[in-house]
């Protein structure tokens, strides 16, 4: 006699890995957004997931300037500083 597997059993939720995006606009209050980070994520994909434009921004990850294509790891702090128009 074989046992049937209970396929309706819920699996424990995997702990989701995140990165923090700190956005500083030219004018106004700074905001902080937390986004999920998948394996192979880039700075650009995290910005797009958070609805942040990639143009006219200075980007640093953990205090170091990076390109949009730089890999992003869980726990990273991404600072996004909007540059004034024309700069």
PDB file of N, CA and C in Angstrom:
ATOM      1  N   UNK A   1       0.838  -1.168   0.000  1.00  0.00           N
ATOM      2  CA  UNK A   1       0.000   0.000   0.000  1.00  0.00           C
ATOM      3  C   UNK A   1       0.893   1.245   0.000  1.00  0.00           C
ATOM      4  N   UNK A   2       0.614   2.198  -0.880  1.00  0.00           N
ATOM      5  CA  UNK A   2       1.403   3.426  -0.947  1.00  0.00           C
ATOM      6  C   UNK A   2       0.609   4.568  -0.325  1.00  0.00           C
ATOM      7  N   UNK A   3       1.332   5.467   0.229  1.00  0.00           N
ATOM      8  CA  UNK A   3       0.695   6.641   0.829  1.00  0.00           C
ATOM      9  C   UNK A   3       0.564   7.737  -0.204  1.00  0.00           C
ATOM     10  N   UNK A   4      -0.530   8.456  -0.138  1.00  0.00           N
ATOM     11  CA  UNK A   4      -0.712   9.614  -1.010  1.00  0.00           C
ATOM     12  C   UNK A   4      -0.148  10.832  -0.311  1.00  0.00           C
ATOM     13  N   UNK A   5       0.504  11.639  -1.080  1.00  0.00           N
ATOM     14  CA  UNK A   5       1.040  12.877  -0.524  1.00  0.00           C
ATOM     15  C   UNK A   5      -0.080  13.896  -0.408  1.00  0.00           C
ATOM     16  N   UNK A   6      -0.045  14.614   0.662  1.00  0.00           N
ATOM     17  CA  UNK A   6      -1.031  15.672   0.864  1.00  0.00           C
ATOM     18  C   UNK A   6      -0.564  16.911   0.109  1.00  0.00           C
ATOM     19  N   UNK A   7      -1.127  17.122  -1.049  1.00  0.00           N
ATOM     20  CA  UNK A   7      -0.701  18.234  -1.901  1.00  0.00           C
ATOM     21  C   UNK A   7      -1.340  19.550  -1.503  1.00  0.00           C
ATOM     22  N   UNK A   8      -2.297  19.509  -0.614  1.00  0.00           N
ATOM     23  CA  UNK A   8      -2.958  20.731  -0.179  1.00  0.00           C
ATOM     24  C   UNK A   8      -2.241  21.377   0.994  1.00  0.00           C
ATOM     25  N   UNK A   9      -1.248  20.697   1.498  1.00  0.00           N
ATOM     26  CA  UNK A   9      -0.520  21.223   2.647  1.00  0.00           C
ATOM     27  C   UNK A   9       0.267  22.464   2.224  1.00  0.00           C
ATOM     28  N   UNK A  10       0.103  23.527   2.993  1.00  0.00           N
ATOM     29  CA  UNK A  10       0.804  24.768   2.670  1.00  0.00           C
ATOM     30  C   UNK A  10       2.265  24.662   3.059  1.00  0.00           C
ATOM     31  N   UNK A  11       3.104  25.174   2.187  1.00  0.00           N
ATOM     32  CA  UNK A  11       4.531  25.210   2.457  1.00  0.00           C
ATOM     33  C   UNK A  11       4.832  26.462   3.266  1.00  0.00           C
ATOM     34  N   UNK A  12       5.811  26.416   4.157  1.00  0.00           N
ATOM     35  CA  UNK A  12       6.162  27.630   4.895  1.00  0.00           C
ATOM     36  C   UNK A  12       6.676  28.685   3.932  1.00  0.00           C
ATOM     37  N   UNK A  13       6.314  29.925   4.198  1.00  0.00           N
ATOM     38  CA  UNK A  13       6.721  31.022   3.315  1.00  0.00           C
ATOM     39  C   UNK A  13       8.227  31.226   3.412  1.00  0.00           C
ATOM     40  N   UNK A  14       8.855  31.362   2.264  1.00  0.00           N
ATOM     41  CA  UNK A  14      10.291  31.620   2.246  1.00  0.00           C
ATOM     42  C   UNK A  14      10.522  33.059   2.694  1.00  0.00           C
ATOM     43  N   UNK A  15      11.570  33.260   3.426  1.00  0.00           N
ATOM     44  CA  UNK A  15      11.885  34.607   3.881  1.00  0.00           C
ATOM     45  C   UNK A  15      12.325  35.416   2.674  1.00  0.00           C
ATOM     46  N   UNK A  16      11.617  36.519   2.428  1.00  0.00           N
ATOM     47  CA  UNK A  16      11.906  37.302   1.241  1.00  0.00           C
ATOM     48  C   UNK A  16      13.074  38.248   1.502  1.00  0.00           C
ATOM     49  N   UNK A  17      13.990  38.287   0.569  1.00  0.00           N
ATOM     50  CA  UNK A  17      15.152  39.154   0.694  1.00  0.00           C
ATOM     51  C   UNK A  17      14.796  40.523   0.135  1.00  0.00           C
ATOM     52  N   UNK A  18      15.228  41.566   0.826  1.00  0.00           N
ATOM     53  CA  UNK A  18      14.864  42.919   0.431  1.00  0.00           C
ATOM     54  C   UNK A  18      16.081  43.840   0.401  1.00  0.00           C
ATOM     55  N   UNK A  19      15.886  44.971  -0.277  1.00  0.00           N
ATOM     56  CA  UNK A  19      16.857  46.063  -0.283  1.00  0.00           C
ATOM     57  C   UNK A  19      16.080  47.333   0.023  1.00  0.00           C
ATOM     58  N   UNK A  20      16.740  48.302   0.616  1.00  0.00           N
ATOM     59  CA  UNK A  20      16.096  49.564   0.967  1.00  0.00           C
ATOM     60  C   UNK A  20      16.526  50.633  -0.017  1.00  0.00           C
ATOM     61  N   UNK A  21      15.542  51.360  -0.575  1.00  0.00           N
ATOM     62  CA  UNK A  21      15.819  52.466  -1.480  1.00  0.00           C
ATOM     63  C   UNK A  21      15.486  53.763  -0.754  1.00  0.00           C
ATOM     64  N   UNK A  22      16.469  54.630  -0.601  1.00  0.00           N
ATOM     65  CA  UNK A  22      16.259  55.939   0.016  1.00  0.00           C
ATOM     66  C   UNK A  22      16.287  56.976  -1.091  1.00  0.00           C
ATOM     67  N   UNK A  23      15.152  57.621  -1.294  1.00  0.00           N
ATOM     68  CA  UNK A  23      14.998  58.560  -2.404  1.00  0.00           C
ATOM     69  C   UNK A  23      15.010  59.983  -1.868  1.00  0.00           C
ATOM     70  N   UNK A  24      15.923  60.814  -2.388  1.00  0.00           N
ATOM     71  CA  UNK A  24      16.018  62.215  -1.999  1.00  0.00           C
ATOM     72  C   UNK A  24      15.729  63.077  -3.222  1.00  0.00           C
ATOM     73  N   UNK A  25      14.521  63.677  -3.296  1.00  0.00           N
ATOM     74  CA  UNK A  25      14.198  64.527  -4.444  1.00  0.00           C
ATOM     75  C   UNK A  25      14.888  65.884  -4.330  1.00  0.00           C
ATOM     76  N   UNK A  26      14.881  66.651  -5.435  1.00  0.00           N
ATOM     77  CA  UNK A  26      15.467  67.988  -5.421  1.00  0.00           C
ATOM     78  C   UNK A  26      14.731  68.842  -4.389  1.00  0.00           C
ATOM     79  N   UNK A  27      13.407  68.752  -4.389  1.00  0.00           N
ATOM     80  CA  UNK A  27      12.582  69.484  -3.424  1.00  0.00           C
ATOM     81  C   UNK A  27      11.676  68.488  -2.719  1.00  0.00           C
ATOM     82  N   UNK A  28      11.413  68.742  -1.458  1.00  0.00           N
ATOM     83  CA  UNK A  28      10.484  67.888  -0.735  1.00  0.00           C
ATOM     84  C   UNK A  28      11.176  66.943   0.224  1.00  0.00           C
ATOM     85  N   UNK A  29      10.371  66.054   0.783  1.00  0.00           N
ATOM     86  CA  UNK A  29      10.830  65.113   1.796  1.00  0.00           C
ATOM     87  C   UNK A  29      11.460  63.867   1.171  1.00  0.00           C
ATOM     88  N   UNK A  30      12.437  63.339   1.849  1.00  0.00           N
ATOM     89  CA  UNK A  30      13.027  62.065   1.439  1.00  0.00           C
ATOM     90  C   UNK A  30      12.062  60.939   1.791  1.00  0.00           C
ATOM     91  N   UNK A  31      12.070  59.891   0.987  1.00  0.00           N
ATOM     92  CA  UNK A  31      11.230  58.729   1.254  1.00  0.00           C
ATOM     93  C   UNK A  31      12.084  57.475   1.246  1.00  0.00           C
ATOM     94  N   UNK A  32      11.553  56.445   1.844  1.00  0.00           N
ATOM     95  CA  UNK A  32      12.263  55.167   1.887  1.00  0.00           C
ATOM     96  C   UNK A  32      11.317  54.080   1.407  1.00  0.00           C
ATOM     97  N   UNK A  33      11.790  53.254   0.498  1.00  0.00           N
ATOM     98  CA  UNK A  33      10.999  52.143  -0.028  1.00  0.00           C
ATOM     99  C   UNK A  33      11.792  50.858   0.138  1.00  0.00           C
ATOM    100  N   UNK A  34      11.084  49.797   0.466  1.00  0.00           N
ATOM    101  CA  UNK A  34      11.714  48.486   0.586  1.00  0.00           C
ATOM    102  C   UNK A  34      11.198  47.624  -0.556  1.00  0.00           C
ATOM    103  N   UNK A  35      12.116  47.039  -1.311  1.00  0.00           N
ATOM    104  CA  UNK A  35      11.736  46.202  -2.453  1.00  0.00           C
ATOM    105  C   UNK A  35      12.332  44.812  -2.307  1.00  0.00           C
ATOM    106  N   UNK A  36      11.634  43.839  -2.879  1.00  0.00           N
ATOM    107  CA  UNK A  36      12.127  42.463  -2.894  1.00  0.00           C
ATOM    108  C   UNK A  36      13.284  42.364  -3.874  1.00  0.00           C
ATOM    109  N   UNK A  37      14.281  41.587  -3.510  1.00  0.00           N
ATOM    110  CA  UNK A  37      15.457  41.408  -4.356  1.00  0.00           C
ATOM    111  C   UNK A  37      15.544  39.943  -4.758  1.00  0.00           C
ATOM    112  N   UNK A  38      15.391  39.684  -6.045  1.00  0.00           N
ATOM    113  CA  UNK A  38      15.520  38.325  -6.563  1.00  0.00           C
ATOM    114  C   UNK A  38      16.981  38.062  -6.908  1.00  0.00           C
ATOM    115  N   UNK A  39      17.311  36.803  -7.030  1.00  0.00           N
ATOM    116  CA  UNK A  39      18.669  36.441  -7.424  1.00  0.00           C
ATOM    117  C   UNK A  39      18.948  37.039  -8.802  1.00  0.00           C
ATOM    118  N   UNK A  40      20.077  37.698  -8.962  1.00  0.00           N
ATOM    119  CA  UNK A  40      20.443  38.302 -10.236  1.00  0.00           C
ATOM    120  C   UNK A  40      19.867  39.689 -10.448  1.00  0.00           C
ATOM    121  N   UNK A  41      19.254  40.273  -9.418  1.00  0.00           N
ATOM    122  CA  UNK A  41      18.665  41.613  -9.552  1.00  0.00           C
ATOM    123  C   UNK A  41      19.758  42.656  -9.751  1.00  0.00           C
ATOM    124  N   UNK A  42      19.395  43.708 -10.463  1.00  0.00           N
ATOM    125  CA  UNK A  42      20.311  44.831 -10.673  1.00  0.00           C
ATOM    126  C   UNK A  42      19.719  46.072 -10.016  1.00  0.00           C
ATOM    127  N   UNK A  43      20.539  47.104  -9.909  1.00  0.00           N
ATOM    128  CA  UNK A  43      20.063  48.369  -9.357  1.00  0.00           C
ATOM    129  C   UNK A  43      18.890  48.885 -10.198  1.00  0.00           C
ATOM    130  N   UNK A  44      19.014  48.803 -11.510  1.00  0.00           N
ATOM    131  CA  UNK A  44      17.959  49.283 -12.399  1.00  0.00           C
ATOM    132  C   UNK A  44      16.649  48.524 -12.181  1.00  0.00           C
ATOM    133  N   UNK A  45      16.697  47.203 -12.049  1.00  0.00           N
ATOM    134  CA  UNK A  45      15.462  46.436 -11.868  1.00  0.00           C
ATOM    135  C   UNK A  45      14.794  46.780 -10.537  1.00  0.00           C
ATOM    136  N   UNK A  46      15.590  47.042  -9.502  1.00  0.00           N
ATOM    137  CA  UNK A  46      15.019  47.433  -8.207  1.00  0.00           C
ATOM    138  C   UNK A  46      14.365  48.809  -8.292  1.00  0.00           C
ATOM    139  N   UNK A  47      15.006  49.741  -9.002  1.00  0.00           N
ATOM    140  CA  UNK A  47      14.424  51.075  -9.167  1.00  0.00           C
ATOM    141  C   UNK A  47      13.105  51.004  -9.927  1.00  0.00           C
ATOM    142  N   UNK A  48      13.095  50.229 -10.998  1.00  0.00           N
ATOM    143  CA  UNK A  48      11.859  50.097 -11.785  1.00  0.00           C
ATOM    144  C   UNK A  48      10.756  49.423 -10.971  1.00  0.00           C
ATOM    145  N   UNK A  49      11.100  48.424 -10.168  1.00  0.00           N
ATOM    146  CA  UNK A  49      10.107  47.742  -9.328  1.00  0.00           C
ATOM    147  C   UNK A  49       9.488  48.701  -8.317  1.00  0.00           C
ATOM    148  N   UNK A  50      10.274  49.682  -7.877  1.00  0.00           N
ATOM    149  CA  UNK A  50       9.787  50.659  -6.904  1.00  0.00           C
ATOM    150  C   UNK A  50       9.115  51.854  -7.571  1.00  0.00           C
ATOM    151  N   UNK A  51       9.111  51.867  -8.919  1.00  0.00           N
ATOM    152  CA  UNK A  51       8.478  52.970  -9.636  1.00  0.00           C
ATOM    153  C   UNK A  51       9.319  54.237  -9.653  1.00  0.00           C
ATOM    154  N   UNK A  52      10.618  54.076  -9.570  1.00  0.00           N
ATOM    155  CA  UNK A  52      11.525  55.219  -9.560  1.00  0.00           C
ATOM    156  C   UNK A  52      12.185  55.322 -10.928  1.00  0.00           C
ATOM    157  N   UNK A  53      12.164  56.518 -11.508  1.00  0.00           N
ATOM    158  CA  UNK A  53      12.789  56.736 -12.806  1.00  0.00           C
ATOM    159  C   UNK A  53      14.297  56.579 -12.719  1.00  0.00           C
ATOM    160  N   UNK A  54      14.901  56.195 -13.808  1.00  0.00           N
ATOM    161  CA  UNK A  54      16.342  55.970 -13.800  1.00  0.00           C
ATOM    162  C   UNK A  54      17.122  57.145 -14.381  1.00  0.00           C
ATOM    163  N   UNK A  55      16.433  58.131 -14.915  1.00  0.00           N
ATOM    164  CA  UNK A  55      17.117  59.287 -15.483  1.00  0.00           C
ATOM    165  C   UNK A  55      17.291  60.376 -14.429  1.00  0.00           C
ATOM    166  N   UNK A  56      18.340  61.152 -14.584  1.00  0.00           N
ATOM    167  CA  UNK A  56      18.630  62.291 -13.698  1.00  0.00           C
ATOM    168  C   UNK A  56      18.715  61.908 -12.220  1.00  0.00           C
ATOM    169  N   UNK A  57      19.330  60.792 -11.932  1.00  0.00           N
ATOM    170  CA  UNK A  57      19.522  60.383 -10.548  1.00  0.00           C
ATOM    171  C   UNK A  57      20.973  59.986 -10.316  1.00  0.00           C
ATOM    172  N   UNK A  58      21.503  60.373  -9.155  1.00  0.00           N
ATOM    173  CA  UNK A  58      22.810  59.875  -8.708  1.00  0.00           C
ATOM    174  C   UNK A  58      22.519  58.681  -7.819  1.00  0.00           C
ATOM    175  N   UNK A  59      23.155  57.558  -8.109  1.00  0.00           N
ATOM    176  CA  UNK A  59      22.865  56.323  -7.399  1.00  0.00           C
ATOM    177  C   UNK A  59      24.115  55.840  -6.656  1.00  0.00           C
ATOM    178  N   UNK A  60      23.946  55.497  -5.376  1.00  0.00           N
ATOM    179  CA  UNK A  60      25.001  54.839  -4.625  1.00  0.00           C
ATOM    180  C   UNK A  60      24.409  53.607  -3.944  1.00  0.00           C
ATOM    181  N   UNK A  61      25.225  52.578  -3.804  1.00  0.00           N
ATOM    182  CA  UNK A  61      24.818  51.375  -3.079  1.00  0.00           C
ATOM    183  C   UNK A  61      25.804  51.197  -1.932  1.00  0.00           C
ATOM    184  N   UNK A  62      25.274  51.192  -0.742  1.00  0.00           N
ATOM    185  CA  UNK A  62      26.102  51.088   0.464  1.00  0.00           C
ATOM    186  C   UNK A  62      27.225  52.127   0.456  1.00  0.00           C
ATOM    187  N   UNK A  63      26.903  53.338  -0.025  1.00  0.00           N
ATOM    188  CA  UNK A  63      27.848  54.455  -0.003  1.00  0.00           C
ATOM    189  C   UNK A  63      28.800  54.548  -1.168  1.00  0.00           C
ATOM    190  N   UNK A  64      28.715  53.621  -2.137  1.00  0.00           N
ATOM    191  CA  UNK A  64      29.637  53.624  -3.277  1.00  0.00           C
ATOM    192  C   UNK A  64      28.868  53.904  -4.565  1.00  0.00           C
ATOM    193  N   UNK A  65      29.375  54.827  -5.419  1.00  0.00           N
ATOM    194  CA  UNK A  65      28.707  55.084  -6.702  1.00  0.00           C
ATOM    195  C   UNK A  65      28.691  53.828  -7.564  1.00  0.00           C
ATOM    196  N   UNK A  66      27.565  53.578  -8.231  1.00  0.00           N
ATOM    197  CA  UNK A  66      27.428  52.385  -9.071  1.00  0.00           C
ATOM    198  C   UNK A  66      26.731  52.726 -10.378  1.00  0.00           C
ATOM    199  N   UNK A  67      26.841  51.805 -11.327  1.00  0.00           N
ATOM    200  CA  UNK A  67      26.107  51.884 -12.591  1.00  0.00           C
ATOM    201  C   UNK A  67      24.750  51.212 -12.397  1.00  0.00           C
ATOM    202  N   UNK A  68      23.815  51.474 -13.293  1.00  0.00           N
ATOM    203  CA  UNK A  68      22.484  50.864 -13.208  1.00  0.00           C
ATOM    204  C   UNK A  68      22.543  49.351 -13.356  1.00  0.00           C
ATOM    205  N   UNK A  69      23.560  48.853 -14.045  1.00  0.00           N
ATOM    206  CA  UNK A  69      23.656  47.416 -14.286  1.00  0.00           C
ATOM    207  C   UNK A  69      24.349  46.664 -13.146  1.00  0.00           C
ATOM    208  N   UNK A  70      24.722  47.374 -12.093  1.00  0.00           N
ATOM    209  CA  UNK A  70      25.419  46.727 -10.974  1.00  0.00           C
ATOM    210  C   UNK A  70      24.495  45.732 -10.274  1.00  0.00           C
ATOM    211  N   UNK A  71      25.043  44.586  -9.866  1.00  0.00           N
ATOM    212  CA  UNK A  71      24.225  43.605  -9.153  1.00  0.00           C
ATOM    213  C   UNK A  71      23.822  44.137  -7.782  1.00  0.00           C
ATOM    214  N   UNK A  72      22.663  43.711  -7.334  1.00  0.00           N
ATOM    215  CA  UNK A  72      22.135  44.151  -6.053  1.00  0.00           C
ATOM    216  C   UNK A  72      21.937  42.934  -5.168  1.00  0.00           C
ATOM    217  N   UNK A  73      22.395  43.019  -3.949  1.00  0.00           N
ATOM    218  CA  UNK A  73      22.252  41.900  -3.019  1.00  0.00           C
ATOM    219  C   UNK A  73      21.293  42.285  -1.904  1.00  0.00           C
ATOM    220  N   UNK A  74      20.722  41.276  -1.283  1.00  0.00           N
ATOM    221  CA  UNK A  74      19.789  41.511  -0.190  1.00  0.00           C
ATOM    222  C   UNK A  74      20.472  42.277   0.933  1.00  0.00           C
ATOM    223  N   UNK A  75      19.742  43.198   1.523  1.00  0.00           N
ATOM    224  CA  UNK A  75      20.265  43.994   2.626  1.00  0.00           C
ATOM    225  C   UNK A  75      20.966  45.262   2.195  1.00  0.00           C
ATOM    226  N   UNK A  76      21.104  45.467   0.890  1.00  0.00           N
ATOM    227  CA  UNK A  76      21.770  46.674   0.400  1.00  0.00           C
ATOM    228  C   UNK A  76      20.917  47.908   0.670  1.00  0.00           C
ATOM    229  N   UNK A  77      21.604  49.038   0.843  1.00  0.00           N
ATOM    230  CA  UNK A  77      20.917  50.319   0.965  1.00  0.00           C
ATOM    231  C   UNK A  77      21.292  51.133  -0.262  1.00  0.00           C
ATOM    232  N   UNK A  78      20.274  51.452  -1.062  1.00  0.00           N
ATOM    233  CA  UNK A  78      20.474  52.192  -2.305  1.00  0.00           C
ATOM    234  C   UNK A  78      20.019  53.629  -2.072  1.00  0.00           C
ATOM    235  N   UNK A  79      20.934  54.581  -2.249  1.00  0.00           N
ATOM    236  CA  UNK A  79      20.586  55.996  -2.133  1.00  0.00           C
ATOM    237  C   UNK A  79      20.378  56.557  -3.524  1.00  0.00           C
ATOM    238  N   UNK A  80      19.222  57.185  -3.710  1.00  0.00           N
ATOM    239  CA  UNK A  80      18.866  57.767  -4.993  1.00  0.00           C
ATOM    240  C   UNK A  80      18.679  59.261  -4.780  1.00  0.00           C
ATOM    241  N   UNK A  81      19.592  60.068  -5.345  1.00  0.00           N
ATOM    242  CA  UNK A  81      19.499  61.502  -5.225  1.00  0.00           C
ATOM    243  C   UNK A  81      19.160  62.083  -6.594  1.00  0.00           C
ATOM    244  N   UNK A  82      18.018  62.750  -6.656  1.00  0.00           N
ATOM    245  CA  UNK A  82      17.595  63.348  -7.923  1.00  0.00           C
ATOM    246  C   UNK A  82      18.463  64.560  -8.220  1.00  0.00           C
ATOM    247  N   UNK A  83      18.960  64.628  -9.450  1.00  0.00           N
ATOM    248  CA  UNK A  83      19.731  65.784  -9.879  1.00  0.00           C
ATOM    249  C   UNK A  83      18.782  66.833 -10.441  1.00  0.00           C
ATOM    250  N   UNK A  84      19.120  68.108 -10.286  1.00  0.00           N
ATOM    251  CA  UNK A  84      18.290  69.146 -10.882  1.00  0.00           C
ATOM    252  C   UNK A  84      18.293  69.025 -12.410  1.00  0.00           C
ATOM    253  N   UNK A  85      17.211  69.463 -13.023  1.00  0.00           N
ATOM    254  CA  UNK A  85      17.103  69.397 -14.470  1.00  0.00           C
ATOM    255  C   UNK A  85      18.205  70.266 -15.083  1.00  0.00           C
ATOM    256  N   UNK A  86      18.845  69.766 -16.130  1.00  0.00           N
ATOM    257  CA  UNK A  86      19.903  70.483 -16.811  1.00  0.00           C
ATOM    258  C   UNK A  86      21.286  70.167 -16.284  1.00  0.00           C
ATOM    259  N   UNK A  87      21.357  69.249 -15.308  1.00  0.00           N
ATOM    260  CA  UNK A  87      22.688  68.919 -14.772  1.00  0.00           C
ATOM    261  C   UNK A  87      23.127  67.560 -15.246  1.00  0.00           C
TER     262      UNK A  87
END
